[in-house]
Amino acid sequence: TAAFESVNVPGLYFAGTLSQERDFKR
């Protein structure tokens, strides 16, 4: 999500290079 939280697992967040899913190659 826009809060870097898993779209299907509440309370599970991601930081670092994994967050590039939000702006992949942009």
mmCIF file of all heavy atoms, coordinates in Angstrom:
data_MODEL
# 
_entry.id   MODEL 
# 
loop_
_atom_site.group_PDB 
_atom_site.id 
_atom_site.type_symbol 
_atom_site.label_atom_id 
_atom_site.label_alt_id 
_atom_site.label_comp_id 
_atom_site.label_asym_id 
_atom_site.label_entity_id 
_atom_site.label_seq_id 
_atom_site.pdbx_PDB_ins_code 
_atom_site.Cartn_x 
_atom_site.Cartn_y 
_atom_site.Cartn_z 
_atom_site.occupancy 
_atom_site.B_iso_or_equiv 
_atom_site.pdbx_formal_charge 
_atom_site.auth_seq_id 
_atom_site.auth_comp_id 
_atom_site.auth_asym_id 
_atom_site.auth_atom_id 
_atom_site.pdbx_PDB_model_num 
ATOM 1   N N   . THR A 1 1  ? 0.849  -1.187  0.000   1.00 0.00 ? 1  THR A N   1 
ATOM 2   C CA  . THR A 1 1  ? 0.000  0.000   0.000   1.00 0.00 ? 1  THR A CA  1 
ATOM 3   C C   . THR A 1 1  ? 0.886  1.240   0.000   1.00 0.00 ? 1  THR A C   1 
ATOM 4   O O   . THR A 1 1  ? 2.116  1.146   0.076   1.00 0.00 ? 1  THR A O   1 
ATOM 5   C CB  . THR A 1 1  ? -0.893 0.023   1.247   1.00 0.00 ? 1  THR A CB  1 
ATOM 6   O OG1 . THR A 1 1  ? -0.061 0.288   2.401   1.00 0.00 ? 1  THR A OG1 1 
ATOM 7   C CG2 . THR A 1 1  ? -1.622 -1.299  1.443   1.00 0.00 ? 1  THR A CG2 1 
ATOM 8   N N   . ALA A 1 2  ? 0.255  2.402   -0.044  1.00 0.00 ? 2  ALA A N   1 
ATOM 9   C CA  . ALA A 1 2  ? 1.002  3.652   0.003   1.00 0.00 ? 2  ALA A CA  1 
ATOM 10  C C   . ALA A 1 2  ? 1.699  3.860   1.340   1.00 0.00 ? 2  ALA A C   1 
ATOM 11  O O   . ALA A 1 2  ? 2.567  4.721   1.465   1.00 0.00 ? 2  ALA A O   1 
ATOM 12  C CB  . ALA A 1 2  ? 0.071  4.825   -0.285  1.00 0.00 ? 2  ALA A CB  1 
ATOM 13  N N   . ALA A 1 3  ? 1.338  3.059   2.354   1.00 0.00 ? 3  ALA A N   1 
ATOM 14  C CA  . ALA A 1 3  ? 1.991  3.123   3.665   1.00 0.00 ? 3  ALA A CA  1 
ATOM 15  C C   . ALA A 1 3  ? 3.088  2.072   3.800   1.00 0.00 ? 3  ALA A C   1 
ATOM 16  O O   . ALA A 1 3  ? 3.585  1.821   4.903   1.00 0.00 ? 3  ALA A O   1 
ATOM 17  C CB  . ALA A 1 3  ? 0.959  2.937   4.777   1.00 0.00 ? 3  ALA A CB  1 
ATOM 18  N N   . PHE A 1 4  ? 3.475  1.433   2.694   1.00 0.00 ? 4  PHE A N   1 
ATOM 19  C CA  . PHE A 1 4  ? 4.514  0.403   2.665   1.00 0.00 ? 4  PHE A CA  1 
ATOM 20  C C   . PHE A 1 4  ? 4.125  -0.822  3.490   1.00 0.00 ? 4  PHE A C   1 
ATOM 21  O O   . PHE A 1 4  ? 4.977  -1.547  4.001   1.00 0.00 ? 4  PHE A O   1 
ATOM 22  C CB  . PHE A 1 4  ? 5.863  0.971   3.138   1.00 0.00 ? 4  PHE A CB  1 
ATOM 23  C CG  . PHE A 1 4  ? 6.269  2.205   2.392   1.00 0.00 ? 4  PHE A CG  1 
ATOM 24  C CD1 . PHE A 1 4  ? 6.213  3.452   3.004   1.00 0.00 ? 4  PHE A CD1 1 
ATOM 25  C CD2 . PHE A 1 4  ? 6.661  2.143   1.068   1.00 0.00 ? 4  PHE A CD2 1 
ATOM 26  C CE1 . PHE A 1 4  ? 6.556  4.603   2.324   1.00 0.00 ? 4  PHE A CE1 1 
ATOM 27  C CE2 . PHE A 1 4  ? 7.013  3.290   0.367   1.00 0.00 ? 4  PHE A CE2 1 
ATOM 28  C CZ  . PHE A 1 4  ? 6.952  4.522   0.994   1.00 0.00 ? 4  PHE A CZ  1 
ATOM 29  N N   . GLU A 1 5  ? 2.824  -1.061  3.578   1.00 0.00 ? 5  GLU A N   1 
ATOM 30  C CA  . GLU A 1 5  ? 2.286  -2.213  4.275   1.00 0.00 ? 5  GLU A CA  1 
ATOM 31  C C   . GLU A 1 5  ? 1.842  -3.247  3.241   1.00 0.00 ? 5  GLU A C   1 
ATOM 32  O O   . GLU A 1 5  ? 1.390  -2.891  2.145   1.00 0.00 ? 5  GLU A O   1 
ATOM 33  C CB  . GLU A 1 5  ? 1.094  -1.799  5.137   1.00 0.00 ? 5  GLU A CB  1 
ATOM 34  C CG  . GLU A 1 5  ? 0.537  -2.898  6.021   1.00 0.00 ? 5  GLU A CG  1 
ATOM 35  C CD  . GLU A 1 5  ? -0.622 -2.404  6.890   1.00 0.00 ? 5  GLU A CD  1 
ATOM 36  O OE1 . GLU A 1 5  ? -1.320 -1.457  6.469   1.00 0.00 ? 5  GLU A OE1 1 
ATOM 37  O OE2 . GLU A 1 5  ? -0.816 -2.950  7.986   1.00 0.00 ? 5  GLU A OE2 1 
ATOM 38  N N   . SER A 1 6  ? 1.956  -4.515  3.597   1.00 0.00 ? 6  SER A N   1 
ATOM 39  C CA  . SER A 1 6  ? 1.476  -5.568  2.711   1.00 0.00 ? 6  SER A CA  1 
ATOM 40  C C   . SER A 1 6  ? 0.002  -5.339  2.371   1.00 0.00 ? 6  SER A C   1 
ATOM 41  O O   . SER A 1 6  ? -0.786 -4.966  3.230   1.00 0.00 ? 6  SER A O   1 
ATOM 42  C CB  . SER A 1 6  ? 1.643  -6.929  3.384   1.00 0.00 ? 6  SER A CB  1 
ATOM 43  O OG  . SER A 1 6  ? 0.961  -7.942  2.658   1.00 0.00 ? 6  SER A OG  1 
ATOM 44  N N   . VAL A 1 7  ? -0.355 -5.572  1.112   1.00 0.00 ? 7  VAL A N   1 
ATOM 45  C CA  . VAL A 1 7  ? -1.742 -5.354  0.702   1.00 0.00 ? 7  VAL A CA  1 
ATOM 46  C C   . VAL A 1 7  ? -2.680 -6.395  1.303   1.00 0.00 ? 7  VAL A C   1 
ATOM 47  O O   . VAL A 1 7  ? -3.895 -6.174  1.350   1.00 0.00 ? 7  VAL A O   1 
ATOM 48  C CB  . VAL A 1 7  ? -1.880 -5.367  -0.841  1.00 0.00 ? 7  VAL A CB  1 
ATOM 49  C CG1 . VAL A 1 7  ? -1.101 -4.222  -1.469  1.00 0.00 ? 7  VAL A CG1 1 
ATOM 50  C CG2 . VAL A 1 7  ? -1.459 -6.713  -1.430  1.00 0.00 ? 7  VAL A CG2 1 
ATOM 51  N N   . ASN A 1 8  ? -2.127 -7.521  1.784   1.00 0.00 ? 8  ASN A N   1 
ATOM 52  C CA  . ASN A 1 8  ? -3.006 -8.576  2.293   1.00 0.00 ? 8  ASN A CA  1 
ATOM 53  C C   . ASN A 1 8  ? -2.669 -9.050  3.698   1.00 0.00 ? 8  ASN A C   1 
ATOM 54  O O   . ASN A 1 8  ? -3.375 -9.887  4.250   1.00 0.00 ? 8  ASN A O   1 
ATOM 55  C CB  . ASN A 1 8  ? -2.987 -9.784  1.342   1.00 0.00 ? 8  ASN A CB  1 
ATOM 56  C CG  . ASN A 1 8  ? -1.630 -10.461 1.280   1.00 0.00 ? 8  ASN A CG  1 
ATOM 57  O OD1 . ASN A 1 8  ? -0.612 -9.807  1.058   1.00 0.00 ? 8  ASN A OD1 1 
ATOM 58  N ND2 . ASN A 1 8  ? -1.599 -11.770 1.475   1.00 0.00 ? 8  ASN A ND2 1 
ATOM 59  N N   . VAL A 1 9  ? -1.602 -8.500  4.304   1.00 0.00 ? 9  VAL A N   1 
ATOM 60  C CA  . VAL A 1 9  ? -1.228 -8.902  5.667   1.00 0.00 ? 9  VAL A CA  1 
ATOM 61  C C   . VAL A 1 9  ? -1.084 -7.638  6.516   1.00 0.00 ? 9  VAL A C   1 
ATOM 62  O O   . VAL A 1 9  ? -0.024 -7.013  6.531   1.00 0.00 ? 9  VAL A O   1 
ATOM 63  C CB  . VAL A 1 9  ? 0.083  -9.711  5.689   1.00 0.00 ? 9  VAL A CB  1 
ATOM 64  C CG1 . VAL A 1 9  ? 0.370  -10.194 7.118   1.00 0.00 ? 9  VAL A CG1 1 
ATOM 65  C CG2 . VAL A 1 9  ? 0.025  -10.878 4.724   1.00 0.00 ? 9  VAL A CG2 1 
ATOM 66  N N   . PRO A 1 10 ? -2.119 -7.231  7.224   1.00 0.00 ? 10 PRO A N   1 
ATOM 67  C CA  . PRO A 1 10 ? -2.023 -6.042  8.073   1.00 0.00 ? 10 PRO A CA  1 
ATOM 68  C C   . PRO A 1 10 ? -0.924 -6.191  9.128   1.00 0.00 ? 10 PRO A C   1 
ATOM 69  O O   . PRO A 1 10 ? -0.728 -7.266  9.694   1.00 0.00 ? 10 PRO A O   1 
ATOM 70  C CB  . PRO A 1 10 ? -3.404 -5.960  8.731   1.00 0.00 ? 10 PRO A CB  1 
ATOM 71  C CG  . PRO A 1 10 ? -4.309 -6.737  7.821   1.00 0.00 ? 10 PRO A CG  1 
ATOM 72  C CD  . PRO A 1 10 ? -3.463 -7.827  7.252   1.00 0.00 ? 10 PRO A CD  1 
ATOM 73  N N   . GLY A 1 11 ? -0.188 -5.110  9.337   1.00 0.00 ? 11 GLY A N   1 
ATOM 74  C CA  . GLY A 1 11 ? 0.877  -5.127  10.333  1.00 0.00 ? 11 GLY A CA  1 
ATOM 75  C C   . GLY A 1 11 ? 2.216  -5.580  9.795   1.00 0.00 ? 11 GLY A C   1 
ATOM 76  O O   . GLY A 1 11 ? 3.221  -5.547  10.522  1.00 0.00 ? 11 GLY A O   1 
ATOM 77  N N   . LEU A 1 12 ? 2.265  -6.014  8.535   1.00 0.00 ? 12 LEU A N   1 
ATOM 78  C CA  . LEU A 1 12 ? 3.512  -6.438  7.904   1.00 0.00 ? 12 LEU A CA  1 
ATOM 79  C C   . LEU A 1 12 ? 3.960  -5.326  6.955   1.00 0.00 ? 12 LEU A C   1 
ATOM 80  O O   . LEU A 1 12 ? 3.278  -5.020  5.974   1.00 0.00 ? 12 LEU A O   1 
ATOM 81  C CB  . LEU A 1 12 ? 3.308  -7.744  7.139   1.00 0.00 ? 12 LEU A CB  1 
ATOM 82  C CG  . LEU A 1 12 ? 4.534  -8.311  6.406   1.00 0.00 ? 12 LEU A CG  1 
ATOM 83  C CD1 . LEU A 1 12 ? 5.644  -8.666  7.391   1.00 0.00 ? 12 LEU A CD1 1 
ATOM 84  C CD2 . LEU A 1 12 ? 4.139  -9.535  5.583   1.00 0.00 ? 12 LEU A CD2 1 
ATOM 85  N N   . TYR A 1 13 ? 5.108  -4.720  7.266   1.00 0.00 ? 13 TYR A N   1 
ATOM 86  C CA  . TYR A 1 13 ? 5.608  -3.579  6.498   1.00 0.00 ? 13 TYR A CA  1 
ATOM 87  C C   . TYR A 1 13 ? 6.922  -3.935  5.811   1.00 0.00 ? 13 TYR A C   1 
ATOM 88  O O   . TYR A 1 13 ? 7.589  -4.919  6.172   1.00 0.00 ? 13 TYR A O   1 
ATOM 89  C CB  . TYR A 1 13 ? 5.830  -2.373  7.425   1.00 0.00 ? 13 TYR A CB  1 
ATOM 90  C CG  . TYR A 1 13 ? 4.559  -1.811  8.023   1.00 0.00 ? 13 TYR A CG  1 
ATOM 91  C CD1 . TYR A 1 13 ? 4.047  -2.308  9.219   1.00 0.00 ? 13 TYR A CD1 1 
ATOM 92  C CD2 . TYR A 1 13 ? 3.878  -0.772  7.399   1.00 0.00 ? 13 TYR A CD2 1 
ATOM 93  C CE1 . TYR A 1 13 ? 2.881  -1.805  9.776   1.00 0.00 ? 13 TYR A CE1 1 
ATOM 94  C CE2 . TYR A 1 13 ? 2.712  -0.250  7.948   1.00 0.00 ? 13 TYR A CE2 1 
ATOM 95  C CZ  . TYR A 1 13 ? 2.222  -0.774  9.135   1.00 0.00 ? 13 TYR A CZ  1 
ATOM 96  O OH  . TYR A 1 13 ? 1.072  -0.258  9.681   1.00 0.00 ? 13 TYR A OH  1 
ATOM 97  N N   . PHE A 1 14 ? 7.307  -3.095  4.854   1.00 0.00 ? 14 PHE A N   1 
ATOM 98  C CA  . PHE A 1 14 ? 8.530  -3.332  4.099   1.00 0.00 ? 14 PHE A CA  1 
ATOM 99  C C   . PHE A 1 14 ? 9.343  -2.037  4.023   1.00 0.00 ? 14 PHE A C   1 
ATOM 100 O O   . PHE A 1 14 ? 8.778  -0.943  3.899   1.00 0.00 ? 14 PHE A O   1 
ATOM 101 C CB  . PHE A 1 14 ? 8.209  -3.835  2.690   1.00 0.00 ? 14 PHE A CB  1 
ATOM 102 C CG  . PHE A 1 14 ? 7.391  -5.096  2.703   1.00 0.00 ? 14 PHE A CG  1 
ATOM 103 C CD1 . PHE A 1 14 ? 6.010  -5.051  2.607   1.00 0.00 ? 14 PHE A CD1 1 
ATOM 104 C CD2 . PHE A 1 14 ? 8.004  -6.326  2.860   1.00 0.00 ? 14 PHE A CD2 1 
ATOM 105 C CE1 . PHE A 1 14 ? 5.248  -6.195  2.656   1.00 0.00 ? 14 PHE A CE1 1 
ATOM 106 C CE2 . PHE A 1 14 ? 7.244  -7.491  2.909   1.00 0.00 ? 14 PHE A CE2 1 
ATOM 107 C CZ  . PHE A 1 14 ? 5.876  -7.431  2.802   1.00 0.00 ? 14 PHE A CZ  1 
ATOM 108 N N   . ALA A 1 15 ? 10.656 -2.182  4.108   1.00 0.00 ? 15 ALA A N   1 
ATOM 109 C CA  . ALA A 1 15 ? 11.540 -1.025  4.071   1.00 0.00 ? 15 ALA A CA  1 
ATOM 110 C C   . ALA A 1 15 ? 12.720 -1.315  3.156   1.00 0.00 ? 15 ALA A C   1 
ATOM 111 O O   . ALA A 1 15 ? 13.125 -2.464  2.979   1.00 0.00 ? 15 ALA A O   1 
ATOM 112 C CB  . ALA A 1 15 ? 12.042 -0.693  5.481   1.00 0.00 ? 15 ALA A CB  1 
ATOM 113 N N   . GLY A 1 16 ? 13.268 -0.252  2.593   1.00 0.00 ? 16 GLY A N   1 
ATOM 114 C CA  . GLY A 1 16 ? 14.465 -0.390  1.774   1.00 0.00 ? 16 GLY A CA  1 
ATOM 115 C C   . GLY A 1 16 ? 14.164 -0.683  0.324   1.00 0.00 ? 16 GLY A C   1 
ATOM 116 O O   . GLY A 1 16 ? 13.144 -0.247  -0.224  1.00 0.00 ? 16 GLY A O   1 
ATOM 117 N N   . THR A 1 17 ? 15.022 -1.464  -0.294  1.00 0.00 ? 17 THR A N   1 
ATOM 118 C CA  . THR A 1 17 ? 14.887 -1.712  -1.729  1.00 0.00 ? 17 THR A CA  1 
ATOM 119 C C   . THR A 1 17 ? 13.593 -2.443  -2.071  1.00 0.00 ? 17 THR A C   1 
ATOM 120 O O   . THR A 1 17 ? 13.111 -2.364  -3.202  1.00 0.00 ? 17 THR A O   1 
ATOM 121 C CB  . THR A 1 17 ? 16.111 -2.486  -2.255  1.00 0.00 ? 17 THR A CB  1 
ATOM 122 O OG1 . THR A 1 17 ? 16.111 -2.493  -3.685  1.00 0.00 ? 17 THR A OG1 1 
ATOM 123 C CG2 . THR A 1 17 ? 16.115 -3.918  -1.750  1.00 0.00 ? 17 THR A CG2 1 
ATOM 124 N N   . LEU A 1 18 ? 12.992 -3.133  -1.086  1.00 0.00 ? 18 LEU A N   1 
ATOM 125 C CA  . LEU A 1 18 ? 11.703 -3.774  -1.336  1.00 0.00 ? 18 LEU A CA  1 
ATOM 126 C C   . LEU A 1 18 ? 10.611 -2.757  -1.616  1.00 0.00 ? 18 LEU A C   1 
ATOM 127 O O   . LEU A 1 18 ? 9.630  -3.062  -2.298  1.00 0.00 ? 18 LEU A O   1 
ATOM 128 C CB  . LEU A 1 18 ? 11.301 -4.627  -0.131  1.00 0.00 ? 18 LEU A CB  1 
ATOM 129 C CG  . LEU A 1 18 ? 12.164 -5.865  0.147   1.00 0.00 ? 18 LEU A CG  1 
ATOM 130 C CD1 . LEU A 1 18 ? 11.726 -6.539  1.435   1.00 0.00 ? 18 LEU A CD1 1 
ATOM 131 C CD2 . LEU A 1 18 ? 12.099 -6.845  -1.015  1.00 0.00 ? 18 LEU A CD2 1 
ATOM 132 N N   . SER A 1 19 ? 10.767 -1.544  -1.133  1.00 0.00 ? 19 SER A N   1 
ATOM 133 C CA  . SER A 1 19 ? 9.729  -0.527  -1.328  1.00 0.00 ? 19 SER A CA  1 
ATOM 134 C C   . SER A 1 19 ? 9.692  0.005   -2.754  1.00 0.00 ? 19 SER A C   1 
ATOM 135 O O   . SER A 1 19 ? 8.796  0.774   -3.104  1.00 0.00 ? 19 SER A O   1 
ATOM 136 C CB  . SER A 1 19 ? 9.925  0.633   -0.345  1.00 0.00 ? 19 SER A CB  1 
ATOM 137 O OG  . SER A 1 19 ? 11.145 1.316   -0.575  1.00 0.00 ? 19 SER A OG  1 
ATOM 138 N N   . GLN A 1 20 ? 10.639 -0.414  -3.608  1.00 0.00 ? 20 GLN A N   1 
ATOM 139 C CA  . GLN A 1 20 ? 10.612 0.069   -4.986  1.00 0.00 ? 20 GLN A CA  1 
ATOM 140 C C   . GLN A 1 20 ? 9.409  -0.459  -5.766  1.00 0.00 ? 20 GLN A C   1 
ATOM 141 O O   . GLN A 1 20 ? 9.137  0.013   -6.873  1.00 0.00 ? 20 GLN A O   1 
ATOM 142 C CB  . GLN A 1 20 ? 11.899 -0.275  -5.718  1.00 0.00 ? 20 GLN A CB  1 
ATOM 143 C CG  . GLN A 1 20 ? 12.114 -1.757  -5.983  1.00 0.00 ? 20 GLN A CG  1 
ATOM 144 C CD  . GLN A 1 20 ? 13.421 -2.023  -6.688  1.00 0.00 ? 20 GLN A CD  1 
ATOM 145 O OE1 . GLN A 1 20 ? 13.587 -1.720  -7.880  1.00 0.00 ? 20 GLN A OE1 1 
ATOM 146 N NE2 . GLN A 1 20 ? 14.383 -2.585  -5.964  1.00 0.00 ? 20 GLN A NE2 1 
ATOM 147 N N   . GLU A 1 21 ? 8.690  -1.423  -5.190  1.00 0.00 ? 21 GLU A N   1 
ATOM 148 C CA  . GLU A 1 21 ? 7.445  -1.846  -5.838  1.00 0.00 ? 21 GLU A CA  1 
ATOM 149 C C   . GLU A 1 21 ? 6.507  -0.656  -6.020  1.00 0.00 ? 21 GLU A C   1 
ATOM 150 O O   . GLU A 1 21 ? 5.698  -0.631  -6.949  1.00 0.00 ? 21 GLU A O   1 
ATOM 151 C CB  . GLU A 1 21 ? 6.771  -2.930  -4.989  1.00 0.00 ? 21 GLU A CB  1 
ATOM 152 C CG  . GLU A 1 21 ? 5.556  -3.579  -5.633  1.00 0.00 ? 21 GLU A CG  1 
ATOM 153 C CD  . GLU A 1 21 ? 4.248  -2.870  -5.323  1.00 0.00 ? 21 GLU A CD  1 
ATOM 154 O OE1 . GLU A 1 21 ? 4.179  -2.203  -4.265  1.00 0.00 ? 21 GLU A OE1 1 
ATOM 155 O OE2 . GLU A 1 21 ? 3.298  -2.980  -6.115  1.00 0.00 ? 21 GLU A OE2 1 
ATOM 156 N N   . ARG A 1 22 ? 6.634  0.350   -5.153  1.00 0.00 ? 22 ARG A N   1 
ATOM 157 C CA  . ARG A 1 22 ? 5.768  1.528   -5.232  1.00 0.00 ? 22 ARG A CA  1 
ATOM 158 C C   . ARG A 1 22 ? 6.145  2.460   -6.372  1.00 0.00 ? 22 ARG A C   1 
ATOM 159 O O   . ARG A 1 22 ? 5.321  3.259   -6.823  1.00 0.00 ? 22 ARG A O   1 
ATOM 160 C CB  . ARG A 1 22 ? 5.825  2.303   -3.904  1.00 0.00 ? 22 ARG A CB  1 
ATOM 161 C CG  . ARG A 1 22 ? 5.255  1.565   -2.718  1.00 0.00 ? 22 ARG A CG  1 
ATOM 162 C CD  . ARG A 1 22 ? 3.766  1.426   -2.799  1.00 0.00 ? 22 ARG A CD  1 
ATOM 163 N NE  . ARG A 1 22 ? 3.104  2.711   -3.032  1.00 0.00 ? 22 ARG A NE  1 
ATOM 164 C CZ  . ARG A 1 22 ? 1.840  2.857   -3.388  1.00 0.00 ? 22 ARG A CZ  1 
ATOM 165 N NH1 . ARG A 1 22 ? 1.091  1.790   -3.589  1.00 0.00 ? 22 ARG A NH1 1 
ATOM 166 N NH2 . ARG A 1 22 ? 1.311  4.043   -3.570  1.00 0.00 ? 22 ARG A NH2 1 
ATOM 167 N N   . ASP A 1 23 ? 7.380  2.419   -6.846  1.00 0.00 ? 23 ASP A N   1 
ATOM 168 C CA  . ASP A 1 23 ? 7.805  3.350   -7.908  1.00 0.00 ? 23 ASP A CA  1 
ATOM 169 C C   . ASP A 1 23 ? 8.727  2.644   -8.899  1.00 0.00 ? 23 ASP A C   1 
ATOM 170 O O   . ASP A 1 23 ? 9.681  3.230   -9.394  1.00 0.00 ? 23 ASP A O   1 
ATOM 171 C CB  . ASP A 1 23 ? 8.514  4.567   -7.302  1.00 0.00 ? 23 ASP A CB  1 
ATOM 172 C CG  . ASP A 1 23 ? 9.860  4.224   -6.698  1.00 0.00 ? 23 ASP A CG  1 
ATOM 173 O OD1 . ASP A 1 23 ? 9.995  3.126   -6.134  1.00 0.00 ? 23 ASP A OD1 1 
ATOM 174 O OD2 . ASP A 1 23 ? 10.781 5.058   -6.776  1.00 0.00 ? 23 ASP A OD2 1 
ATOM 175 N N   . PHE A 1 24 ? 8.420  1.393   -9.196  1.00 0.00 ? 24 PHE A N   1 
ATOM 176 C CA  . PHE A 1 24 ? 9.332  0.533   -9.943  1.00 0.00 ? 24 PHE A CA  1 
ATOM 177 C C   . PHE A 1 24 ? 9.803  1.192   -11.246 1.00 0.00 ? 24 PHE A C   1 
ATOM 178 O O   . PHE A 1 24 ? 9.003  1.548   -12.110 1.00 0.00 ? 24 PHE A O   1 
ATOM 179 C CB  . PHE A 1 24 ? 8.650  -0.806  -10.244 1.00 0.00 ? 24 PHE A CB  1 
ATOM 180 C CG  . PHE A 1 24 ? 9.560  -1.834  -10.838 1.00 0.00 ? 24 PHE A CG  1 
ATOM 181 C CD1 . PHE A 1 24 ? 10.674 -2.270  -10.145 1.00 0.00 ? 24 PHE A CD1 1 
ATOM 182 C CD2 . PHE A 1 24 ? 9.306  -2.371  -12.086 1.00 0.00 ? 24 PHE A CD2 1 
ATOM 183 C CE1 . PHE A 1 24 ? 11.519 -3.229  -10.686 1.00 0.00 ? 24 PHE A CE1 1 
ATOM 184 C CE2 . PHE A 1 24 ? 10.139 -3.326  -12.639 1.00 0.00 ? 24 PHE A CE2 1 
ATOM 185 C CZ  . PHE A 1 24 ? 11.251 -3.749  -11.939 1.00 0.00 ? 24 PHE A CZ  1 
ATOM 186 N N   . LYS A 1 25 ? 11.113 1.379   -11.337 1.00 0.00 ? 25 LYS A N   1 
ATOM 187 C CA  . LYS A 1 25 ? 11.797 1.968   -12.499 1.00 0.00 ? 25 LYS A CA  1 
ATOM 188 C C   . LYS A 1 25 ? 11.319 3.379   -12.833 1.00 0.00 ? 25 LYS A C   1 
ATOM 189 O O   . LYS A 1 25 ? 11.433 3.828   -13.977 1.00 0.00 ? 25 LYS A O   1 
ATOM 190 C CB  . LYS A 1 25 ? 11.685 1.048   -13.722 1.00 0.00 ? 25 LYS A CB  1 
ATOM 191 C CG  . LYS A 1 25 ? 12.405 -0.289  -13.516 1.00 0.00 ? 25 LYS A CG  1 
ATOM 192 C CD  . LYS A 1 25 ? 12.525 -1.092  -14.787 1.00 0.00 ? 25 LYS A CD  1 
ATOM 193 C CE  . LYS A 1 25 ? 13.318 -2.365  -14.527 1.00 0.00 ? 25 LYS A CE  1 
ATOM 194 N NZ  . LYS A 1 25 ? 13.496 -3.194  -15.733 1.00 0.00 ? 25 LYS A NZ  1 
ATOM 195 N N   . ARG A 1 26 ? 10.784 4.086   -11.822 1.00 0.00 ? 26 ARG A N   1 
ATOM 196 C CA  . ARG A 1 26 ? 10.383 5.479   -12.021 1.00 0.00 ? 26 ARG A CA  1 
ATOM 197 C C   . ARG A 1 26 ? 11.167 6.445   -11.147 1.00 0.00 ? 26 ARG A C   1 
ATOM 198 O O   . ARG A 1 26 ? 11.394 7.582   -11.537 1.00 0.00 ? 26 ARG A O   1 
ATOM 199 C CB  . ARG A 1 26 ? 8.886  5.649   -11.760 1.00 0.00 ? 26 ARG A CB  1 
ATOM 200 C CG  . ARG A 1 26 ? 7.978  4.976   -12.775 1.00 0.00 ? 26 ARG A CG  1 
ATOM 201 C CD  . ARG A 1 26 ? 6.520  5.304   -12.509 1.00 0.00 ? 26 ARG A CD  1 
ATOM 202 N NE  . ARG A 1 26 ? 6.037  4.718   -11.270 1.00 0.00 ? 26 ARG A NE  1 
ATOM 203 C CZ  . ARG A 1 26 ? 5.782  5.398   -10.159 1.00 0.00 ? 26 ARG A CZ  1 
ATOM 204 N NH1 . ARG A 1 26 ? 5.971  6.712   -10.120 1.00 0.00 ? 26 ARG A NH1 1 
ATOM 205 N NH2 . ARG A 1 26 ? 5.337  4.789   -9.072  1.00 0.00 ? 26 ARG A NH2 1 
# 
